[in-house]
Amino acid sequence: MIFEYEIGGRKFVQKALVLGQVKQLISVIRGTVIPSVISSQSLVIALGDKVSEVLAIVLSEEGVSLKNKKTKEVQELLEENLSIEGSIKMVEDFFDCNPIASISGAMIGLSEKVQKAMTKTELKTPSTESVLPSVEETLPKETISSGGLQ
């Protein structure tokens, strides 16, 4: 799904996130308390002054690659031109582009598969107790050296 917007005379699109955008978003929203019941309005309120930065990350300007995007410039354009209603609409569109529930479900499923695989590997690995020699086997026997203190 792709959404198109015109902001400040420039054209932007919003579509499914790529890994680089996810990385940027994580660094911006780290530490933000997300409400347990998420709505577009509650998320905009929770993000507070980070809304324009988050939207600047998720939007792509038409004809500009993500690696060449000037996020700070887009953020300033949004702050000068985007209404609160427009930002709420973009957050709603974000959830249509990025079905968080299905992504979360896939991540939980992946996590469970990894845990099962690790458990199977642990069961197949021999115990380290049987591999390591005992302390008595590795310590030298007591000997008295000639001329040494006793």
C-alpha atoms as a PDB file:
ATOM      1  CA  MET A   1       0.000   0.000   0.000  1.00  0.00           C
ATOM      2  CA  ILE A   2       1.338   3.446  -0.898  1.00  0.00           C
ATOM      3  CA  PHE A   3       0.012   6.806   0.287  1.00  0.00           C
ATOM      4  CA  GLU A   4       0.809  10.079  -1.431  1.00  0.00           C
ATOM      5  CA  TYR A   5       0.937  13.558   0.111  1.00  0.00           C
ATOM      6  CA  GLU A   6       1.707  17.064  -1.038  1.00  0.00           C
ATOM      7  CA  ILE A   7       3.372  19.133   1.645  1.00  0.00           C
ATOM      8  CA  GLY A   8       4.802  22.590   1.103  1.00  0.00           C
ATOM      9  CA  GLY A   9       4.592  22.158  -2.661  1.00  0.00           C
ATOM     10  CA  ARG A  10       6.611  18.910  -2.576  1.00  0.00           C
ATOM     11  CA  LYS A  11       5.370  15.360  -3.164  1.00  0.00           C
ATOM     12  CA  PHE A  12       5.955  12.622  -0.600  1.00  0.00           C
ATOM     13  CA  VAL A  13       4.980   8.959  -0.356  1.00  0.00           C
ATOM     14  CA  GLN A  14       4.588   6.577   2.546  1.00  0.00           C
ATOM     15  CA  LYS A  15       4.958   2.845   2.031  1.00  0.00           C
ATOM     16  CA  ALA A  16       6.192  -0.214   3.923  1.00  0.00           C
ATOM     17  CA  LEU A  17       9.309   0.510   5.946  1.00  0.00           C
ATOM     18  CA  VAL A  18      12.726  -0.729   4.945  1.00  0.00           C
ATOM     19  CA  LEU A  19      15.376  -1.778   7.464  1.00  0.00           C
ATOM     20  CA  GLY A  20      17.198   1.566   7.379  1.00  0.00           C
ATOM     21  CA  GLN A  21      14.005   3.388   8.332  1.00  0.00           C
ATOM     22  CA  VAL A  22      13.326   0.911  11.146  1.00  0.00           C
ATOM     23  CA  LYS A  23      16.825   1.524  12.499  1.00  0.00           C
ATOM     24  CA  GLN A  24      16.264   5.297  12.447  1.00  0.00           C
ATOM     25  CA  LEU A  25      12.846   4.979  14.086  1.00  0.00           C
ATOM     26  CA  ILE A  26      14.171   2.814  16.892  1.00  0.00           C
ATOM     27  CA  SER A  27      16.826   5.367  17.753  1.00  0.00           C
ATOM     28  CA  VAL A  28      14.261   8.207  17.771  1.00  0.00           C
ATOM     29  CA  ILE A  29      11.510   6.510  19.778  1.00  0.00           C
ATOM     30  CA  ARG A  30      13.783   4.711  22.268  1.00  0.00           C
ATOM     31  CA  GLY A  31      12.581   5.608  25.755  1.00  0.00           C
ATOM     32  CA  THR A  32       9.160   6.794  24.585  1.00  0.00           C
ATOM     33  CA  VAL A  33       6.307   5.362  26.623  1.00  0.00           C
ATOM     34  CA  ILE A  34       3.801   3.910  24.178  1.00  0.00           C
ATOM     35  CA  PRO A  35       0.234   3.612  25.506  1.00  0.00           C
ATOM     36  CA  SER A  36      -1.126   0.102  25.993  1.00  0.00           C
ATOM     37  CA  VAL A  37      -4.139   0.929  23.826  1.00  0.00           C
ATOM     38  CA  ILE A  38      -2.742   2.489  20.676  1.00  0.00           C
ATOM     39  CA  SER A  39      -4.720   4.857  18.513  1.00  0.00           C
ATOM     40  CA  SER A  40      -3.369   7.387  16.033  1.00  0.00           C
ATOM     41  CA  GLN A  41      -4.207  10.219  18.423  1.00  0.00           C
ATOM     42  CA  SER A  42      -2.655   8.543  21.480  1.00  0.00           C
ATOM     43  CA  LEU A  43       0.499   7.744  19.525  1.00  0.00           C
ATOM     44  CA  VAL A  44       0.853  11.343  18.292  1.00  0.00           C
ATOM     45  CA  ILE A  45       0.457  12.524  21.894  1.00  0.00           C
ATOM     46  CA  ALA A  46       2.969   9.927  23.177  1.00  0.00           C
ATOM     47  CA  LEU A  47       5.527  10.920  20.541  1.00  0.00           C
ATOM     48  CA  GLY A  48       5.097  14.589  21.443  1.00  0.00           C
ATOM     49  CA  ASP A  49       7.813  16.719  19.879  1.00  0.00           C
ATOM     50  CA  LYS A  50       9.204  13.645  18.077  1.00  0.00           C
ATOM     51  CA  VAL A  51       6.214  13.401  15.702  1.00  0.00           C
ATOM     52  CA  SER A  52       7.777  15.505  12.950  1.00  0.00           C
ATOM     53  CA  GLU A  53      11.048  13.571  13.139  1.00  0.00           C
ATOM     54  CA  VAL A  54       9.231  10.221  13.022  1.00  0.00           C
ATOM     55  CA  LEU A  55       7.139  11.315  10.044  1.00  0.00           C
ATOM     56  CA  ALA A  56      10.240  12.672   8.288  1.00  0.00           C
ATOM     57  CA  ILE A  57      11.738   9.188   8.606  1.00  0.00           C
ATOM     58  CA  VAL A  58       8.689   7.286   7.320  1.00  0.00           C
ATOM     59  CA  LEU A  59       8.003   9.629   4.392  1.00  0.00           C
ATOM     60  CA  SER A  60       9.985   9.492   1.166  1.00  0.00           C
ATOM     61  CA  GLU A  61      10.150  12.452  -1.163  1.00  0.00           C
ATOM     62  CA  GLU A  62       9.232  11.590  -4.716  1.00  0.00           C
ATOM     63  CA  GLY A  63      12.381  11.148  -6.805  1.00  0.00           C
ATOM     64  CA  VAL A  64      14.759  11.144  -3.799  1.00  0.00           C
ATOM     65  CA  SER A  65      16.345   7.881  -2.629  1.00  0.00           C
ATOM     66  CA  LEU A  66      16.193   7.151   1.076  1.00  0.00           C
ATOM     67  CA  LYS A  67      19.973   7.332   1.419  1.00  0.00           C
ATOM     68  CA  ASN A  68      19.969  10.821  -0.144  1.00  0.00           C
ATOM     69  CA  LYS A  69      17.001  12.082   1.888  1.00  0.00           C
ATOM     70  CA  LYS A  70      17.685  15.087   4.094  1.00  0.00           C
ATOM     71  CA  THR A  71      15.587  14.048   7.074  1.00  0.00           C
ATOM     72  CA  LYS A  72      16.214  17.247   9.041  1.00  0.00           C
ATOM     73  CA  GLU A  73      15.046  19.357   6.081  1.00  0.00           C
ATOM     74  CA  VAL A  74      11.897  17.231   5.684  1.00  0.00           C
ATOM     75  CA  GLN A  75      11.269  17.510   9.444  1.00  0.00           C
ATOM     76  CA  GLU A  76      11.429  21.314   9.244  1.00  0.00           C
ATOM     77  CA  LEU A  77       9.103  21.313   6.204  1.00  0.00           C
ATOM     78  CA  LEU A  78       6.579  19.197   8.137  1.00  0.00           C
ATOM     79  CA  GLU A  79       6.754  21.453  11.188  1.00  0.00           C
ATOM     80  CA  GLU A  80       6.003  24.489   9.019  1.00  0.00           C
ATOM     81  CA  ASN A  81       3.265  22.960   6.867  1.00  0.00           C
ATOM     82  CA  LEU A  82       1.581  19.933   8.454  1.00  0.00           C
ATOM     83  CA  SER A  83      -1.527  20.280  10.614  1.00  0.00           C
ATOM     84  CA  ILE A  84      -2.153  18.057  13.625  1.00  0.00           C
ATOM     85  CA  GLU A  85      -5.004  16.419  11.679  1.00  0.00           C
ATOM     86  CA  GLY A  86      -2.593  15.726   8.817  1.00  0.00           C
ATOM     87  CA  SER A  87      -0.077  14.142  11.181  1.00  0.00           C
ATOM     88  CA  ILE A  88      -2.795  11.922  12.694  1.00  0.00           C
ATOM     89  CA  LYS A  89      -3.834  10.854   9.170  1.00  0.00           C
ATOM     90  CA  MET A  90      -0.214   9.965   8.342  1.00  0.00           C
ATOM     91  CA  VAL A  91       0.053   7.873  11.512  1.00  0.00           C
ATOM     92  CA  GLU A  92      -3.156   6.043  10.509  1.00  0.00           C
ATOM     93  CA  ASP A  93      -1.670   5.460   7.051  1.00  0.00           C
ATOM     94  CA  PHE A  94       1.517   4.176   8.703  1.00  0.00           C
ATOM     95  CA  PHE A  95      -0.433   1.327  10.305  1.00  0.00           C
ATOM     96  CA  ASP A  96      -2.040   0.492   6.956  1.00  0.00           C
ATOM     97  CA  CYS A  97       1.422   0.338   5.318  1.00  0.00           C
ATOM     98  CA  ASN A  98       3.052  -1.536   8.184  1.00  0.00           C
ATOM     99  CA  PRO A  99       0.706  -4.041   9.817  1.00  0.00           C
ATOM    100  CA  ILE A 100       2.411  -4.045  13.213  1.00  0.00           C
ATOM    101  CA  ALA A 101       0.246  -6.866  14.587  1.00  0.00           C
ATOM    102  CA  SER A 102       1.285  -9.261  11.827  1.00  0.00           C
ATOM    103  CA  ILE A 103       4.927  -8.128  12.067  1.00  0.00           C
ATOM    104  CA  SER A 104       4.841  -8.695  15.840  1.00  0.00           C
ATOM    105  CA  GLY A 105       3.250 -12.104  15.344  1.00  0.00           C
ATOM    106  CA  ALA A 106       5.947 -13.060  12.833  1.00  0.00           C
ATOM    107  CA  MET A 107       8.681 -11.896  15.228  1.00  0.00           C
ATOM    108  CA  ILE A 108       7.159 -13.905  18.091  1.00  0.00           C
ATOM    109  CA  GLY A 109       6.975 -16.968  15.842  1.00  0.00           C
ATOM    110  CA  LEU A 110      10.604 -16.482  14.802  1.00  0.00           C
ATOM    111  CA  SER A 111      11.662 -16.081  18.425  1.00  0.00           C
ATOM    112  CA  GLU A 112       9.900 -19.316  19.370  1.00  0.00           C
ATOM    113  CA  LYS A 113      11.608 -21.175  16.494  1.00  0.00           C
ATOM    114  CA  VAL A 114      15.018 -19.859  17.565  1.00  0.00           C
ATOM    115  CA  GLN A 115      14.375 -20.912  21.174  1.00  0.00           C
ATOM    116  CA  LYS A 116      13.344 -24.415  20.072  1.00  0.00           C
ATOM    117  CA  ALA A 117      16.413 -24.721  17.854  1.00  0.00           C
ATOM    118  CA  MET A 118      18.657 -23.598  20.706  1.00  0.00           C
ATOM    119  CA  THR A 119      17.034 -26.089  23.091  1.00  0.00           C
ATOM    120  CA  LYS A 120      17.607 -28.927  20.607  1.00  0.00           C
ATOM    121  CA  THR A 121      21.236 -27.853  20.196  1.00  0.00           C
ATOM    122  CA  GLU A 122      21.749 -27.758  23.969  1.00  0.00           C
ATOM    123  CA  LEU A 123      20.351 -31.281  24.280  1.00  0.00           C
ATOM    124  CA  LYS A 124      22.761 -32.580  21.618  1.00  0.00           C
ATOM    125  CA  THR A 125      25.851 -30.866  23.091  1.00  0.00           C
ATOM    126  CA  PRO A 126      27.714 -33.055  25.578  1.00  0.00           C
ATOM    127  CA  SER A 127      27.964 -31.818  29.113  1.00  0.00           C
ATOM    128  CA  THR A 128      31.106 -29.774  29.774  1.00  0.00           C
ATOM    129  CA  GLU A 129      31.652 -31.685  33.033  1.00  0.00           C
ATOM    130  CA  SER A 130      32.596 -34.847  31.178  1.00  0.00           C
ATOM    131  CA  VAL A 131      34.904 -33.010  28.789  1.00  0.00           C
ATOM    132  CA  LEU A 132      36.980 -31.072  31.332  1.00  0.00           C
ATOM    133  CA  PRO A 133      39.598 -32.951  33.368  1.00  0.00           C
ATOM    134  CA  SER A 134      39.193 -32.956  37.119  1.00  0.00           C
ATOM    135  CA  VAL A 135      41.185 -30.591  39.314  1.00  0.00           C
ATOM    136  CA  GLU A 136      43.198 -33.506  40.783  1.00  0.00           C
ATOM    137  CA  GLU A 137      44.307 -34.606  37.342  1.00  0.00           C
ATOM    138  CA  THR A 138      45.705 -31.190  36.434  1.00  0.00           C
ATOM    139  CA  LEU A 139      47.443 -30.110  39.658  1.00  0.00           C
ATOM    140  CA  PRO A 140      51.089 -31.113  40.102  1.00  0.00           C
ATOM    141  CA  LYS A 141      51.861 -33.542  42.968  1.00  0.00           C
ATOM    142  CA  GLU A 142      53.355 -32.039  46.061  1.00  0.00           C
ATOM    143  CA  THR A 143      57.112 -32.224  45.927  1.00  0.00           C
ATOM    144  CA  ILE A 144      59.781 -30.785  48.099  1.00  0.00           C
ATOM    145  CA  SER A 145      62.549 -29.095  46.231  1.00  0.00           C
ATOM    146  CA  SER A 146      66.065 -29.288  47.451  1.00  0.00           C
ATOM    147  CA  GLY A 147      66.933 -26.089  49.219  1.00  0.00           C
ATOM    148  CA  GLY A 148      63.308 -24.960  49.294  1.00  0.00           C
ATOM    149  CA  LEU A 149      61.441 -23.802  52.364  1.00  0.00           C
ATOM    150  CA  GLN A 150      59.283 -26.310  54.105  1.00  0.00           C
END
